[in-house]
Amino acid sequence: QADYFYVVESGCFVVSKSEGTQSADSKAAAALGKIQAGGSFGELALLYFAPRAATVTAEADSVVFVTARQQFKEVLLRANESEMAENLKHVSHCEVFAPLKDEEKKELAAAMHEMTFSKGRRT
């Protein structure tokens, strides 16, 4: 069970997935990628109360910022509430949603997320 979210300030980490019974050679071949300064890891296990899906090993001396599970979830919750309030403003200005009850508008706003499109991209 994971308890922390990590943001890499400096250094480098190797992400790998091992099956426990693998030889050293096959474990090396199971490397999935690297995480460098500005990268992060640990969020999936925190969000879904699941065991870590991979092993993260420092490849060099490294420094990370660490956030515990509770603080991580609180920040995400506040960010989600802020985003929902902004979405609710947009929903309230759309005539097509005028017949909805306030609670229905809130549910719709909670389900929405922002998308961006480059010039010329078709939808």
Protein backbone atom coordinates (compact mmCIF):
# COMPACT_ATOMS: atom_id res chain seq x y z
CA GLN A 1 0.00 0.00 0.00
CA ALA A 2 1.38 3.39 -0.99
CA ASP A 3 1.26 6.38 1.32
CA TYR A 4 3.05 9.17 -0.55
CA PHE A 5 3.10 11.19 -3.76
CA TYR A 6 6.55 12.20 -4.96
CA VAL A 7 7.70 15.12 -7.13
CA VAL A 8 11.29 14.88 -8.34
CA GLU A 9 13.32 18.02 -7.70
CA SER A 10 16.63 16.61 -8.92
CA GLY A 11 18.12 13.29 -9.92
CA CYS A 12 16.65 10.41 -11.85
CA PHE A 13 14.52 7.36 -11.06
CA VAL A 14 13.97 4.17 -13.05
CA VAL A 15 10.46 2.73 -13.17
CA SER A 16 10.27 -1.05 -13.48
CA LYS A 17 7.81 -3.86 -13.07
CA SER A 18 9.11 -7.13 -11.71
CA GLU A 19 7.24 -10.35 -11.12
CA GLY A 20 9.29 -11.46 -8.13
CA THR A 21 10.54 -14.69 -9.72
CA GLN A 22 12.39 -13.00 -12.57
CA SER A 23 16.13 -13.26 -12.99
CA ALA A 24 18.30 -10.14 -12.72
CA ASP A 25 18.51 -9.94 -16.54
CA SER A 26 14.77 -10.11 -17.07
CA LYS A 27 14.20 -7.61 -14.24
CA ALA A 28 16.47 -5.16 -16.05
CA ALA A 29 14.47 -5.75 -19.22
CA ALA A 30 11.27 -4.93 -17.32
CA ALA A 31 12.25 -1.24 -17.01
CA LEU A 32 9.27 0.88 -18.04
CA GLY A 33 10.88 4.31 -18.14
CA LYS A 34 12.64 7.06 -16.23
CA ILE A 35 11.42 9.94 -14.12
CA GLN A 36 13.58 13.04 -13.99
CA ALA A 37 13.39 16.51 -12.40
CA GLY A 38 9.85 17.86 -12.74
CA GLY A 39 8.36 14.37 -12.98
CA SER A 40 6.26 12.67 -10.33
CA PHE A 41 5.10 9.25 -9.17
CA GLY A 42 2.85 7.55 -6.63
CA GLU A 43 -0.46 9.18 -7.55
CA LEU A 44 -2.28 6.10 -8.85
CA ALA A 45 -1.78 4.10 -5.67
CA LEU A 46 -2.97 7.07 -3.60
CA LEU A 47 -6.04 7.75 -5.69
CA TYR A 48 -7.22 4.16 -5.88
CA PHE A 49 -5.99 2.70 -2.55
CA ALA A 50 -4.13 0.10 -4.56
CA PRO A 51 -0.70 -1.43 -4.15
CA ARG A 52 1.99 0.22 -6.22
CA ALA A 53 1.88 -0.98 -9.82
CA ALA A 54 5.64 -0.55 -10.32
CA THR A 55 8.92 -0.17 -8.48
CA VAL A 56 10.69 3.20 -8.60
CA THR A 57 14.43 3.12 -7.91
CA ALA A 58 16.84 6.07 -7.69
CA GLU A 59 19.33 5.82 -10.54
CA ALA A 60 21.42 8.67 -9.11
CA ASP A 61 21.46 10.74 -5.94
CA SER A 62 18.06 12.41 -6.01
CA VAL A 63 15.87 14.86 -4.10
CA VAL A 64 12.07 14.63 -4.02
CA PHE A 65 9.20 16.57 -2.49
CA VAL A 66 6.80 14.26 -0.68
CA THR A 67 3.09 14.65 0.08
CA ALA A 68 1.21 12.22 2.31
CA ARG A 69 -2.01 10.53 1.15
CA GLN A 70 -4.39 12.71 3.17
CA GLN A 71 -2.91 16.03 2.06
CA PHE A 72 -2.76 14.81 -1.55
CA LYS A 73 -6.46 13.91 -1.54
CA GLU A 74 -7.45 17.17 0.20
CA VAL A 75 -5.67 19.25 -2.44
CA LEU A 76 -7.33 17.30 -5.25
CA LEU A 77 -10.73 17.69 -3.59
CA ARG A 78 -10.32 21.47 -3.26
CA ALA A 79 -9.15 21.73 -6.86
CA ASN A 80 -12.15 19.68 -8.00
CA GLU A 81 -14.55 21.89 -6.03
CA SER A 82 -13.04 25.00 -7.59
CA GLU A 83 -13.30 23.53 -11.08
CA MET A 84 -16.91 22.48 -10.45
CA ALA A 85 -17.82 26.01 -9.31
CA GLU A 86 -16.31 27.43 -12.50
CA ASN A 87 -18.16 24.84 -14.62
CA LEU A 88 -21.41 25.68 -12.83
CA LYS A 89 -21.06 29.31 -13.94
CA HIS A 90 -20.84 28.16 -17.56
CA VAL A 91 -23.76 25.73 -17.19
CA SER A 92 -25.90 28.48 -15.66
CA HIS A 93 -25.30 30.71 -18.69
CA CYS A 94 -26.44 28.09 -21.21
CA GLU A 95 -30.12 28.39 -22.07
CA VAL A 96 -30.35 24.71 -22.94
CA PHE A 97 -29.79 23.88 -19.25
CA ALA A 98 -32.31 26.43 -17.92
CA PRO A 99 -35.03 23.80 -17.25
CA LEU A 100 -32.71 21.81 -14.97
CA LYS A 101 -32.99 21.99 -11.20
CA ASP A 102 -30.03 23.47 -9.31
CA GLU A 103 -28.91 20.04 -8.10
CA GLU A 104 -29.01 18.68 -11.66
CA LYS A 105 -26.89 21.62 -12.84
CA LYS A 106 -24.36 20.87 -10.08
CA GLU A 107 -24.18 17.22 -11.12
CA LEU A 108 -23.65 18.23 -14.73
CA ALA A 109 -20.95 20.74 -13.74
CA ALA A 110 -19.18 18.07 -11.67
CA ALA A 111 -19.10 15.74 -14.68
CA MET A 112 -17.66 18.33 -17.08
CA HIS A 113 -14.00 18.90 -17.83
CA GLU A 114 -12.20 21.43 -19.97
CA MET A 115 -10.76 20.54 -23.36
CA THR A 116 -8.56 22.66 -25.59
CA PHE A 117 -8.32 22.55 -29.36
CA SER A 118 -5.57 23.75 -31.66
CA LYS A 119 -6.50 25.98 -34.57
CA GLY A 120 -7.93 23.88 -37.39
CA ARG A 121 -8.57 20.76 -35.30
CA ARG A 122 -11.93 19.22 -36.05
CA THR A 123 -14.20 17.89 -33.36
